[in-house]
Amino acid sequence: MPTRLTSRARSVAVALSLAPTLAAAQSSVAPTPAFNDPDRLGKLTRAIPAVDSVMRTFMERTRAPGIAYGIIVDGRLLHVAAHGLREVPSKAAVDTSTVFRIASMTKSFTALAILQLRDAGKLSLDDPAEKYVPEMRQLHYATSDAPRVTVRHLLSHSAGFPEDNPWGDQQLSASEADLSRMMREGIPFSNTPGVAYEYSNFGFAILGRIVVNVGGMPYAKYIQEKVLRPLGMTSTTMEARDVPAARVAHGYRLQDGQWLEEPPLPDGSFGSMGGMLTSSADLSRWVGLMLSAWPARDGAESPVLKRSSLREMQQVWRLAPASAVRSANGTLSLTSGGYAYGLRVSQNCLFNHIVAHSGGLPGFGSQMRWLPEHGVGIIALGNLTYTGWNGPIDAAYEVLVRSGGLTPRRVQPSPVLAVMHEQVTRLITVGWTQPLADSIAAMNLYRDESAPRRAAAIARLVQAAGGNCRADGAMWAENALRGEWRLSCATGVLRVRITLAPTEPARVQEFGVFAAPADYKPGPVAVCRQVG
């Protein structure tokens, strides 16, 4: 005879069967951000001819002997091209395997090596640098209250050393003994450590010494074994003599309309600030590694550096002065940001997060620039002194923007945010009921404004918009626990925005309903906009 359950037992059984479903619906863990456009890659690919035109025009205008450049999408080299000459007298052509000097772009490799050692527990970024470089113990600081220079100060160009680009370029051949002597003789301070940004090649030479002392091997060997080899960067080196002669780009400067070859600079103790040579294919692997850190997610890590440390490398650690430039058509564009670890980070009117670094030496100019949230990067190499890549790379990104394919990943709401979105929409469109309101409210919500006052204010907004309100389109999730959406009513539009509290389960701590213009669309606010 089948067993009969009492009504209470049935309720308990149902509750137990629903428990996993309810728990999943209350989860604050959001799905991984993703690209929405199925034709994103196609749009970017169809824009390549226009990018090629930008680069060829730049080469012709500047008279750069040779260039190579590439577009990286989602860690893959989508397009690579090379034009011109790697050696002028022989008219030997640049190709995609040609190796160029990349100068200060080397700094990001040094920074990654330091973070490798940090992650291995061999150093701390907040330790005084003199702990690992004894010669620095003799530094004479400008004031008695100055903090000791730390590893982090060196990584972020905030050690207080003077900017030294003209001088630094000529130190690549300095020996390890020369570097030790320079430190023992003293380094003047232009700022107190830790208070200002000032670009220091000397500082990154000291970081190279830290890699040597803590890593237990010469800098070039450490980078080769711990960084380049695991990434498959077989064309990258610190010494031009290690590259087959048929693949080396010779460096030139323009003087009186003629190309004059610059003598190659040898590798030495300052190589960690600017001595590296690489090809467009290898450099694309490096940018691909940096892009691979985004978005944060579960899964296997890179053998070179864990994703959280790669993201740490790409955050501003020392602010640099912002700039605002008005174009010929009157548009004002803001650029702000600063220095990360061996990388520059900025924000402008098109993109919220730009990571980049350029490199310039007599005979060479290069740049790498990528957009973490968009999964797209551009690299460019040239064999003309301080080849100025900012303009053409700006123009190339504008081409990609116009293609419609250069869009950021879409943040996904957590399951609990999706549930709160549905419940809040019901409160507004169906009508306020206290049990439903109580089910969504964090402990502060009624303390900030009572339930009756909230209900009355929402009713007035709905009435002013003509009533008959309904959800119109998807919620835009700013992050896993914050979102906003549009309600279209009979004669008006409402904007709804909620933020969930830092509790489990998460509940609504901020709940705003606002009248909105007819063309309102949920989404991020433009970085540069006119107010008033």
Protein backbone atom coordinates (compact mmCIF):
# COMPACT_ATOMS: atom_id res chain seq x y z
CA MET A 1 0.00 0.00 0.00
CA PRO A 2 1.53 3.40 -0.97
CA THR A 3 2.55 5.67 1.85
CA ARG A 4 0.41 8.80 2.24
CA LEU A 5 2.13 12.06 3.14
CA THR A 6 0.56 14.62 5.40
CA SER A 7 0.13 18.15 4.00
CA ARG A 8 3.00 19.35 6.23
CA ALA A 9 5.22 16.52 5.00
CA ARG A 10 4.32 17.35 1.40
CA SER A 11 5.27 20.99 2.00
CA VAL A 12 8.61 19.96 3.47
CA ALA A 13 9.25 17.61 0.54
CA VAL A 14 8.47 20.32 -1.99
CA ALA A 15 10.67 22.79 -0.15
CA LEU A 16 13.55 20.31 -0.11
CA SER A 17 13.12 19.58 -3.83
CA LEU A 18 13.16 23.30 -4.65
CA ALA A 19 16.15 24.12 -2.41
CA PRO A 20 18.85 23.67 -5.11
CA THR A 21 16.82 25.79 -7.56
CA LEU A 22 16.28 28.56 -5.03
CA ALA A 23 19.95 28.49 -4.02
CA ALA A 24 21.00 28.83 -7.65
CA ALA A 25 18.63 31.75 -8.13
CA GLN A 26 20.16 33.49 -5.11
CA SER A 27 23.77 33.06 -6.31
CA SER A 28 25.82 36.26 -6.49
CA VAL A 29 28.37 34.65 -8.84
CA ALA A 30 27.88 36.06 -12.33
CA PRO A 31 28.60 34.27 -15.62
CA THR A 32 31.78 35.34 -17.40
CA PRO A 33 31.43 38.56 -19.45
CA ALA A 34 31.07 37.80 -23.14
CA PHE A 35 30.85 39.43 -26.57
CA ASN A 36 27.28 39.66 -27.85
CA ASP A 37 27.78 40.26 -31.58
CA PRO A 38 28.13 36.98 -33.55
CA ASP A 39 29.66 38.95 -36.45
CA ARG A 40 32.22 40.79 -34.30
CA LEU A 41 35.22 39.01 -35.86
CA GLY A 42 33.81 39.47 -39.36
CA LYS A 43 33.37 43.20 -38.88
CA LEU A 44 36.93 43.59 -37.59
CA THR A 45 38.29 41.50 -40.46
CA ARG A 46 36.46 43.57 -43.08
CA ALA A 47 38.09 46.73 -41.61
CA ILE A 48 41.63 45.46 -42.23
CA PRO A 49 42.09 47.05 -45.69
CA ALA A 50 41.29 50.47 -44.19
CA VAL A 51 43.86 49.87 -41.42
CA ASP A 52 46.43 48.87 -44.06
CA SER A 53 45.75 52.15 -45.86
CA VAL A 54 46.35 54.12 -42.64
CA MET A 55 49.69 52.39 -42.10
CA ARG A 56 50.92 52.79 -45.68
CA THR A 57 50.03 56.47 -45.66
CA PHE A 58 51.93 56.93 -42.40
CA MET A 59 55.00 55.20 -43.81
CA GLU A 60 54.99 57.36 -46.92
CA ARG A 61 54.51 60.57 -44.94
CA THR A 62 57.28 59.89 -42.40
CA ARG A 63 59.63 58.20 -44.89
CA ALA A 64 60.20 55.33 -42.46
CA PRO A 65 62.44 52.82 -44.28
CA GLY A 66 60.43 49.84 -43.06
CA ILE A 67 57.48 48.95 -40.87
CA ALA A 68 55.71 45.86 -39.57
CA TYR A 69 52.41 45.82 -37.70
CA GLY A 70 49.72 43.47 -36.54
CA ILE A 71 46.19 43.26 -35.12
CA ILE A 72 45.59 40.81 -32.27
CA VAL A 73 42.04 39.67 -31.48
CA ASP A 74 41.30 37.40 -28.53
CA GLY A 75 44.96 36.39 -28.27
CA ARG A 76 45.28 35.47 -31.96
CA LEU A 77 47.19 37.39 -34.62
CA LEU A 78 44.31 38.29 -36.92
CA HIS A 79 46.42 40.27 -39.39
CA VAL A 80 50.10 41.02 -39.85
CA ALA A 81 51.80 43.04 -42.57
CA ALA A 82 55.24 44.40 -43.43
CA HIS A 83 56.37 47.08 -45.89
CA GLY A 84 59.61 48.75 -46.92
CA LEU A 85 63.24 47.97 -46.26
CA ARG A 86 65.00 46.38 -43.32
CA GLU A 87 68.35 47.46 -44.84
CA VAL A 88 68.54 50.43 -47.18
CA PRO A 89 71.80 49.87 -49.19
CA SER A 90 70.94 46.27 -50.12
CA LYS A 91 67.21 47.07 -50.52
CA ALA A 92 66.47 44.00 -48.40
CA ALA A 93 62.74 43.96 -47.66
CA VAL A 94 61.06 43.85 -44.26
CA ASP A 95 58.91 40.78 -43.75
CA THR A 96 56.84 39.49 -40.87
CA SER A 97 59.83 37.62 -39.40
CA THR A 98 62.07 40.72 -39.35
CA VAL A 99 63.39 41.54 -35.87
CA PHE A 100 63.32 45.16 -34.62
CA ARG A 101 64.57 46.76 -31.44
CA ILE A 102 61.64 47.61 -29.16
CA ALA A 103 63.54 49.74 -26.62
CA SER A 104 61.41 50.67 -23.58
CA MET A 105 58.76 48.08 -24.35
CA THR A 106 61.32 45.79 -22.66
CA LYS A 107 60.17 47.25 -19.34
CA SER A 108 57.00 45.15 -19.32
CA PHE A 109 59.12 41.97 -19.54
CA THR A 110 61.18 43.15 -16.57
CA ALA A 111 58.01 43.91 -14.62
CA LEU A 112 56.62 40.45 -15.34
CA ALA A 113 59.87 38.87 -14.11
CA ILE A 114 59.59 40.83 -10.85
CA LEU A 115 56.00 39.64 -10.37
CA GLN A 116 57.08 36.05 -11.06
CA LEU A 117 59.61 36.35 -8.24
CA ARG A 118 56.99 37.99 -6.00
CA ASP A 119 54.47 35.22 -6.67
CA ALA A 120 57.16 32.65 -5.88
CA GLY A 121 57.59 34.27 -2.45
CA LYS A 122 61.13 35.46 -3.19
CA LEU A 123 60.47 39.19 -2.75
CA SER A 124 57.82 41.71 -1.78
CA LEU A 125 56.97 44.76 -3.86
CA ASP A 126 56.87 46.86 -0.71
CA ASP A 127 60.33 45.84 0.45
CA PRO A 128 63.07 48.46 0.21
CA ALA A 129 64.96 47.85 -3.03
CA GLU A 130 68.21 47.97 -1.05
CA LYS A 131 67.24 44.61 0.50
CA TYR A 132 68.02 43.03 -2.88
CA VAL A 133 70.54 45.56 -4.22
CA PRO A 134 73.06 46.37 -1.48
CA GLU A 135 74.59 49.28 -3.43
CA MET A 136 71.37 51.25 -2.83
CA ARG A 137 71.96 51.33 0.92
CA GLN A 138 74.42 54.15 0.33
CA LEU A 139 71.91 56.45 -1.40
CA HIS A 140 71.69 59.94 0.10
CA TYR A 141 68.03 60.95 0.29
CA ALA A 142 67.11 64.62 -0.11
CA THR A 143 65.23 64.83 3.20
CA SER A 144 65.34 63.00 6.51
CA ASP A 145 61.66 62.04 6.23
CA ALA A 146 61.98 60.41 2.79
CA PRO A 147 60.91 56.76 2.65
CA ARG A 148 63.35 54.20 1.30
CA VAL A 149 62.86 53.42 -2.39
CA THR A 150 60.77 50.25 -2.71
CA VAL A 151 60.47 47.72 -5.50
CA ARG A 152 56.97 49.08 -6.20
CA HIS A 153 58.37 52.62 -6.53
CA LEU A 154 60.77 51.38 -9.20
CA LEU A 155 58.06 49.47 -11.08
CA SER A 156 55.76 52.50 -11.23
CA HIS A 157 58.33 55.25 -11.92
CA SER A 158 57.73 56.85 -8.53
CA ALA A 159 61.15 56.31 -6.95
CA GLY A 160 61.88 60.04 -7.19
CA PHE A 161 64.74 59.66 -9.67
CA PRO A 162 64.90 62.27 -12.49
CA GLU A 163 63.53 61.58 -15.96
CA ASP A 164 66.48 60.30 -17.98
CA ASN A 165 65.47 59.39 -21.54
CA PRO A 166 68.31 61.14 -23.43
CA TRP A 167 70.89 59.84 -20.94
CA GLY A 168 69.33 56.40 -20.53
CA ASP A 169 69.43 55.56 -24.25
CA GLN A 170 73.23 55.73 -24.13
CA GLN A 171 73.63 53.38 -21.14
CA LEU A 172 72.65 50.10 -22.79
CA SER A 173 76.27 49.02 -23.11
CA ALA A 174 77.08 49.71 -19.44
CA SER A 175 78.50 46.69 -17.64
CA GLU A 176 77.25 45.25 -14.37
CA ALA A 177 80.30 46.84 -12.72
CA ASP A 178 79.34 50.20 -14.25
CA LEU A 179 75.82 49.93 -12.81
CA SER A 180 77.21 49.09 -9.37
CA ARG A 181 79.58 52.03 -9.55
CA MET A 182 76.79 54.44 -10.58
CA MET A 183 74.67 53.40 -7.61
CA ARG A 184 77.57 53.65 -5.17
CA GLU A 185 78.37 57.15 -6.47
CA GLY A 186 74.78 58.17 -5.79
CA ILE A 187 71.54 58.98 -7.62
CA PRO A 188 70.08 62.49 -7.29
CA PHE A 189 66.39 62.81 -6.43
CA SER A 190 64.06 65.12 -8.33
CA ASN A 191 61.16 64.16 -6.02
CA THR A 192 60.67 62.44 -2.70
CA PRO A 193 60.03 58.72 -3.32
CA GLY A 194 56.37 57.79 -3.62
CA VAL A 195 54.79 61.16 -4.38
CA ALA A 196 55.13 61.77 -8.14
CA TYR A 197 55.52 60.10 -11.51
CA GLU A 198 58.83 60.59 -13.32
CA TYR A 199 60.06 58.19 -15.98
CA SER A 200 63.32 56.53 -14.92
CA ASN A 201 65.35 54.17 -17.08
CA PHE A 202 67.84 53.96 -14.21
CA GLY A 203 65.05 52.61 -12.03
CA PHE A 204 64.35 49.77 -14.45
CA ALA A 205 68.06 48.99 -14.69
CA ILE A 206 67.95 48.49 -10.92
CA LEU A 207 64.93 46.20 -11.34
CA GLY A 208 67.04 44.18 -13.77
CA ARG A 209 69.67 43.85 -11.05
CA ILE A 210 66.98 42.61 -8.67
CA VAL A 211 66.05 39.93 -11.22
CA VAL A 212 69.72 38.93 -11.37
CA ASN A 213 70.23 38.84 -7.60
CA VAL A 214 66.94 37.22 -6.63
CA GLY A 215 66.50 35.03 -9.72
CA GLY A 216 70.05 33.71 -9.44
CA MET A 217 71.08 34.09 -13.07
CA PRO A 218 71.91 36.81 -15.64
CA TYR A 219 68.93 38.91 -16.70
CA ALA A 220 68.96 37.78 -20.34
CA LYS A 221 69.08 34.12 -19.31
CA TYR A 222 66.27 34.57 -16.80
CA ILE A 223 64.02 36.24 -19.38
CA GLN A 224 64.84 33.58 -21.98
CA GLU A 225 64.19 30.61 -19.68
CA LYS A 226 61.33 31.89 -17.53
CA VAL A 227 59.42 34.11 -19.97
CA LEU A 228 60.25 33.82 -23.67
CA ARG A 229 60.69 30.07 -24.02
CA PRO A 230 57.42 29.15 -22.25
CA LEU A 231 55.58 31.63 -24.51
CA GLY A 232 57.19 30.30 -27.69
CA MET A 233 58.81 33.68 -28.43
CA THR A 234 61.71 32.17 -30.35
CA SER A 235 62.70 35.33 -32.26
CA THR A 236 63.02 37.57 -29.18
CA THR A 237 66.45 38.31 -27.73
CA MET A 238 68.56 40.90 -25.95
CA GLU A 239 71.41 40.75 -28.47
CA ALA A 240 71.27 41.60 -32.19
CA ARG A 241 74.14 39.20 -32.86
CA ASP A 242 71.86 36.31 -31.84
CA VAL A 243 69.55 37.05 -34.80
CA PRO A 244 70.38 35.77 -38.31
CA ALA A 245 71.67 38.70 -40.37
CA ALA A 246 68.93 38.21 -42.96
CA ARG A 247 66.26 38.93 -40.34
CA VAL A 248 67.69 41.99 -38.54
CA ALA A 249 66.18 45.43 -39.21
CA HIS A 250 68.88 48.10 -39.41
CA GLY A 251 68.01 51.39 -37.70
CA TYR A 252 68.04 54.74 -39.54
CA ARG A 253 67.55 58.44 -38.96
CA LEU A 254 66.64 61.05 -41.55
CA GLN A 255 69.23 63.78 -41.95
CA ASP A 256 69.09 66.33 -44.77
CA GLY A 257 66.63 64.08 -46.57
CA GLN A 258 68.94 61.05 -46.43
CA TRP A 259 68.73 57.85 -44.38
CA LEU A 260 71.75 57.49 -42.12
CA GLU A 261 72.28 54.17 -40.38
CA GLU A 262 72.55 54.25 -36.59
CA PRO A 263 75.18 51.98 -35.03
CA PRO A 264 73.55 49.14 -33.06
CA LEU A 265 73.67 49.47 -29.29
CA PRO A 266 74.97 46.40 -27.44
CA ASP A 267 73.24 44.74 -24.50
CA GLY A 268 74.49 45.45 -20.98
CA SER A 269 73.29 46.09 -17.45
CA PHE A 270 70.67 48.59 -18.66
CA GLY A 271 69.16 46.05 -21.05
CA SER A 272 66.26 45.49 -18.66
CA MET A 273 65.03 49.01 -19.41
CA GLY A 274 65.28 48.90 -23.21
CA GLY A 275 67.51 46.29 -24.82
CA MET A 276 65.09 43.79 -26.33
CA LEU A 277 64.61 42.89 -30.01
CA THR A 278 61.56 41.04 -31.35
CA SER A 279 59.45 40.31 -34.40
CA SER A 280 55.83 41.19 -35.08
CA ALA A 281 54.81 37.54 -34.65
CA ASP A 282 56.56 37.22 -31.28
CA LEU A 283 55.26 40.55 -30.02
CA SER A 284 51.73 39.45 -30.84
CA ARG A 285 52.23 36.54 -28.43
CA TRP A 286 53.20 38.99 -25.70
CA VAL A 287 50.14 41.15 -26.26
CA GLY A 288 48.03 37.99 -26.46
CA LEU A 289 49.33 36.98 -23.02
CA MET A 290 48.32 40.34 -21.58
CA LEU A 291 44.87 40.16 -23.16
CA SER A 292 44.41 36.60 -21.88
CA ALA A 293 44.09 37.95 -18.33
CA TRP A 294 40.66 39.35 -19.19
CA PRO A 295 38.00 38.65 -18.17
CA ALA A 296 38.53 37.16 -14.71
CA ARG A 297 37.31 33.56 -14.85
CA ASP A 298 37.80 29.98 -13.73
CA GLY A 299 40.16 27.68 -15.60
CA ALA A 300 43.80 26.85 -16.25
CA GLU A 301 46.43 29.56 -15.78
CA SER A 302 49.30 30.61 -18.05
CA PRO A 303 52.60 28.85 -17.26
CA VAL A 304 54.27 32.28 -17.21
CA LEU A 305 52.17 34.31 -14.74
CA LYS A 306 48.76 33.85 -13.18
CA ARG A 307 45.94 35.98 -14.56
CA SER A 308 45.45 38.03 -11.40
CA SER A 309 49.09 39.14 -11.52
CA LEU A 310 48.81 39.95 -15.23
CA ARG A 311 45.79 42.13 -14.42
CA GLU A 312 47.77 43.74 -11.60
CA MET A 313 50.41 44.71 -14.17
CA GLN A 314 47.72 46.54 -16.16
CA GLN A 315 46.32 48.80 -13.41
CA VAL A 316 47.41 52.36 -12.66
CA TRP A 317 49.83 52.44 -9.71
CA ARG A 318 51.10 55.99 -10.16
CA LEU A 319 48.94 58.71 -11.68
CA ALA A 320 50.41 60.88 -14.41
CA PRO A 321 49.09 64.33 -15.38
CA ALA A 322 45.90 64.27 -17.46
CA SER A 323 45.55 66.25 -20.68
CA ALA A 324 42.66 67.77 -22.63
CA VAL A 325 43.10 68.62 -26.31
CA ARG A 326 40.67 70.51 -28.52
CA SER A 327 40.63 69.29 -32.12
CA ALA A 328 40.32 71.46 -35.21
CA ASN A 329 36.55 70.90 -35.27
CA GLY A 330 36.22 72.05 -31.66
CA THR A 331 35.83 68.65 -29.99
CA LEU A 332 37.50 68.46 -26.59
CA SER A 333 39.11 65.09 -25.82
CA LEU A 334 40.34 64.06 -22.39
CA THR A 335 43.13 61.57 -21.75
CA SER A 336 43.92 60.49 -18.21
CA GLY A 337 45.81 57.64 -16.60
CA GLY A 338 49.27 56.82 -15.35
CA TYR A 339 51.89 54.12 -15.06
CA ALA A 340 51.25 50.52 -14.14
CA TYR A 341 54.11 48.00 -13.90
CA GLY A 342 56.22 48.42 -17.04
CA LEU A 343 53.12 49.57 -18.89
CA ARG A 344 51.13 52.76 -19.37
CA VAL A 345 47.39 52.77 -18.66
CA SER A 346 45.02 55.47 -19.87
CA GLN A 347 41.42 56.38 -20.57
CA ASN A 348 40.08 58.58 -23.33
CA CYS A 349 36.75 59.53 -24.88
CA LEU A 350 36.55 56.25 -26.82
CA PHE A 351 37.86 53.68 -24.36
CA ASN A 352 37.74 53.26 -20.59
CA HIS A 353 40.85 51.10 -20.31
CA ILE A 354 43.84 51.35 -22.64
CA VAL A 355 47.12 49.56 -21.92
CA ALA A 356 50.19 50.46 -23.95
CA HIS A 357 53.89 51.15 -24.12
CA SER A 358 56.07 52.68 -26.78
CA GLY A 359 59.76 52.24 -27.40
CA GLY A 360 62.24 54.59 -29.00
CA LEU A 361 65.99 54.41 -29.60
CA PRO A 362 68.28 55.89 -32.22
CA GLY A 363 67.13 54.08 -35.35
CA PHE A 364 63.89 52.56 -34.02
CA GLY A 365 60.38 53.29 -32.81
CA SER A 366 57.67 50.88 -31.74
CA GLN A 367 54.40 50.66 -29.88
CA MET A 368 52.01 48.06 -28.51
CA ARG A 369 48.51 49.06 -27.42
CA TRP A 370 45.54 46.95 -26.42
CA LEU A 371 42.03 47.22 -25.01
CA PRO A 372 41.46 44.58 -22.29
CA GLU A 373 37.65 44.79 -22.28
CA HIS A 374 37.51 44.64 -26.10
CA GLY A 375 40.02 41.81 -26.57
CA VAL A 376 41.85 43.72 -29.33
CA GLY A 377 45.44 44.93 -29.60
CA ILE A 378 47.67 46.60 -32.19
CA ILE A 379 51.45 46.34 -32.47
CA ALA A 380 53.71 48.43 -34.71
CA LEU A 381 57.46 48.37 -35.37
CA GLY A 382 59.60 50.76 -37.41
CA ASN A 383 63.28 51.29 -38.18
CA LEU A 384 63.24 55.10 -38.15
CA THR A 385 64.47 56.94 -35.05
CA TYR A 386 61.56 57.41 -32.61
CA THR A 387 59.01 56.35 -35.25
CA GLY A 388 55.91 58.20 -34.03
CA TRP A 389 53.19 55.56 -33.86
CA ASN A 390 50.58 57.38 -31.76
CA GLY A 391 48.76 58.99 -34.69
CA PRO A 392 48.43 55.95 -36.96
CA ILE A 393 47.44 53.64 -34.11
CA ASP A 394 44.81 56.17 -33.00
CA ALA A 395 43.53 56.23 -36.59
CA ALA A 396 43.57 52.43 -36.83
CA TYR A 397 41.43 52.11 -33.70
CA GLU A 398 39.01 54.69 -35.08
CA VAL A 399 38.69 52.53 -38.20
CA LEU A 400 37.91 49.51 -36.03
CA VAL A 401 35.34 51.51 -34.06
CA ARG A 402 33.58 52.50 -37.28
CA SER A 403 33.44 48.85 -38.30
CA GLY A 404 31.02 48.17 -35.45
CA GLY A 405 33.12 45.23 -34.28
CA LEU A 406 35.13 47.00 -31.61
CA THR A 407 32.75 46.63 -28.69
CA PRO A 408 33.51 45.59 -25.11
CA ARG A 409 32.43 42.35 -23.51
CA ARG A 410 28.99 42.51 -22.00
CA VAL A 411 28.93 42.06 -18.23
CA GLN A 412 26.45 39.36 -17.21
CA PRO A 413 24.17 39.82 -14.19
CA SER A 414 24.44 37.36 -11.33
CA PRO A 415 21.40 35.10 -10.86
CA VAL A 416 20.38 37.03 -7.75
CA LEU A 417 20.54 40.35 -9.63
CA ALA A 418 18.33 38.85 -12.35
CA VAL A 419 15.79 37.77 -9.69
CA MET A 420 15.84 41.21 -8.04
CA HIS A 421 15.34 42.81 -11.47
CA GLU A 422 12.18 40.75 -11.98
CA GLN A 423 10.84 41.41 -8.49
CA VAL A 424 11.49 45.16 -8.60
CA THR A 425 9.85 45.36 -12.03
CA ARG A 426 6.74 43.68 -10.56
CA LEU A 427 6.69 46.17 -7.66
CA ILE A 428 6.56 49.03 -10.15
CA THR A 429 4.41 47.66 -12.97
CA VAL A 430 1.92 45.47 -11.05
CA GLY A 431 1.80 47.49 -7.86
CA TRP A 432 3.53 47.75 -4.50
CA THR A 433 2.79 44.91 -2.10
CA GLN A 434 4.58 44.84 1.22
CA PRO A 435 5.44 41.11 1.26
CA LEU A 436 7.05 41.44 -2.17
CA ALA A 437 8.89 44.63 -1.15
CA ASP A 438 10.13 42.94 2.03
CA SER A 439 11.50 40.03 -0.02
CA ILE A 440 13.83 42.33 -1.98
CA ALA A 441 14.84 44.82 0.73
CA ALA A 442 18.24 44.94 2.41
CA MET A 443 18.18 46.02 6.06
CA ASN A 444 18.99 49.64 5.21
CA LEU A 445 16.37 50.21 2.50
CA TYR A 446 13.46 51.31 4.72
CA ARG A 447 15.76 53.15 7.10
CA ASP A 448 16.97 55.32 4.23
CA GLU A 449 13.38 55.95 3.12
CA SER A 450 10.28 54.29 4.56
CA ALA A 451 8.28 51.78 2.54
CA PRO A 452 5.13 53.98 2.41
CA ARG A 453 7.13 56.96 1.09
CA ARG A 454 8.87 54.80 -1.52
CA ALA A 455 5.57 53.27 -2.65
CA ALA A 456 3.93 56.71 -2.94
CA ALA A 457 6.85 58.21 -4.88
CA ILE A 458 6.87 55.31 -7.35
CA ALA A 459 3.09 55.56 -7.81
CA ARG A 460 3.43 59.25 -8.66
CA LEU A 461 6.12 58.53 -11.25
CA VAL A 462 4.06 55.76 -12.84
CA GLN A 463 1.00 58.03 -12.96
CA ALA A 464 3.00 60.88 -14.50
CA ALA A 465 4.23 58.47 -17.20
CA GLY A 466 0.64 57.52 -18.04
CA GLY A 467 0.56 54.15 -16.27
CA ASN A 468 0.51 50.80 -18.06
CA CYS A 469 4.28 50.46 -17.58
CA ARG A 470 6.18 47.44 -18.86
CA ALA A 471 9.80 46.31 -19.07
CA ASP A 472 11.29 47.39 -22.39
CA GLY A 473 14.47 45.51 -23.29
CA ALA A 474 17.04 43.73 -21.20
CA MET A 475 18.62 44.98 -18.00
CA TRP A 476 22.09 46.50 -18.40
CA ALA A 477 24.37 45.02 -15.74
CA GLU A 478 27.10 47.43 -14.70
CA ASN A 479 28.56 44.59 -12.67
CA ALA A 480 27.37 41.38 -11.03
CA LEU A 481 25.37 43.23 -8.37
CA ARG A 482 24.27 46.49 -10.00
CA GLY A 483 21.98 47.10 -12.95
CA GLU A 484 19.51 49.43 -14.59
CA TRP A 485 16.70 49.06 -17.11
CA ARG A 486 13.96 50.87 -19.00
CA LEU A 487 10.23 50.79 -18.39
CA SER A 488 8.03 52.12 -21.19
CA CYS A 489 4.71 53.49 -20.01
CA ALA A 490 1.63 54.85 -21.82
CA THR A 491 3.03 58.38 -22.22
CA GLY A 492 6.49 58.31 -20.73
CA VAL A 493 9.62 56.35 -19.86
CA LEU A 494 11.06 55.39 -16.47
CA ARG A 495 14.63 54.49 -15.61
CA VAL A 496 15.12 51.95 -12.81
CA ARG A 497 18.44 51.32 -11.08
CA ILE A 498 19.29 48.94 -8.23
CA THR A 499 22.41 48.00 -6.31
CA LEU A 500 22.55 44.91 -4.12
CA ALA A 501 24.05 44.82 -0.64
CA PRO A 502 27.24 42.93 0.35
CA THR A 503 25.28 40.13 2.04
CA GLU A 504 24.40 36.53 1.25
CA PRO A 505 21.78 36.33 -0.02
CA ALA A 506 22.17 39.75 -1.63
CA ARG A 507 19.25 42.13 -1.37
CA VAL A 508 18.49 45.62 -2.71
CA GLN A 509 20.30 48.39 -0.82
CA GLU A 510 19.71 51.13 -3.42
CA PHE A 511 16.47 51.37 -5.37
CA GLY A 512 15.94 54.32 -7.69
CA VAL A 513 13.12 55.07 -10.12
CA PHE A 514 13.45 58.18 -12.30
CA ALA A 515 11.61 59.88 -15.16
CA ALA A 516 13.67 59.48 -18.34
CA PRO A 517 13.69 60.96 -21.84
CA ALA A 518 11.99 59.01 -24.61
CA ASP A 519 15.35 58.04 -26.17
CA TYR A 520 16.84 56.70 -22.93
CA LYS A 521 18.73 53.42 -23.33
CA PRO A 522 20.34 51.59 -20.40
CA GLY A 523 24.09 51.45 -20.68
CA PRO A 524 27.39 52.95 -19.64
CA VAL A 525 27.69 56.72 -19.46
CA ALA A 526 30.07 58.17 -22.05
CA VAL A 527 33.45 59.12 -20.59
CA CYS A 528 33.45 62.46 -22.41
CA ARG A 529 30.11 64.24 -22.59
CA GLN A 530 28.70 67.73 -22.43
CA VAL A 531 26.74 68.47 -19.27
CA GLY A 532 24.16 71.27 -19.09
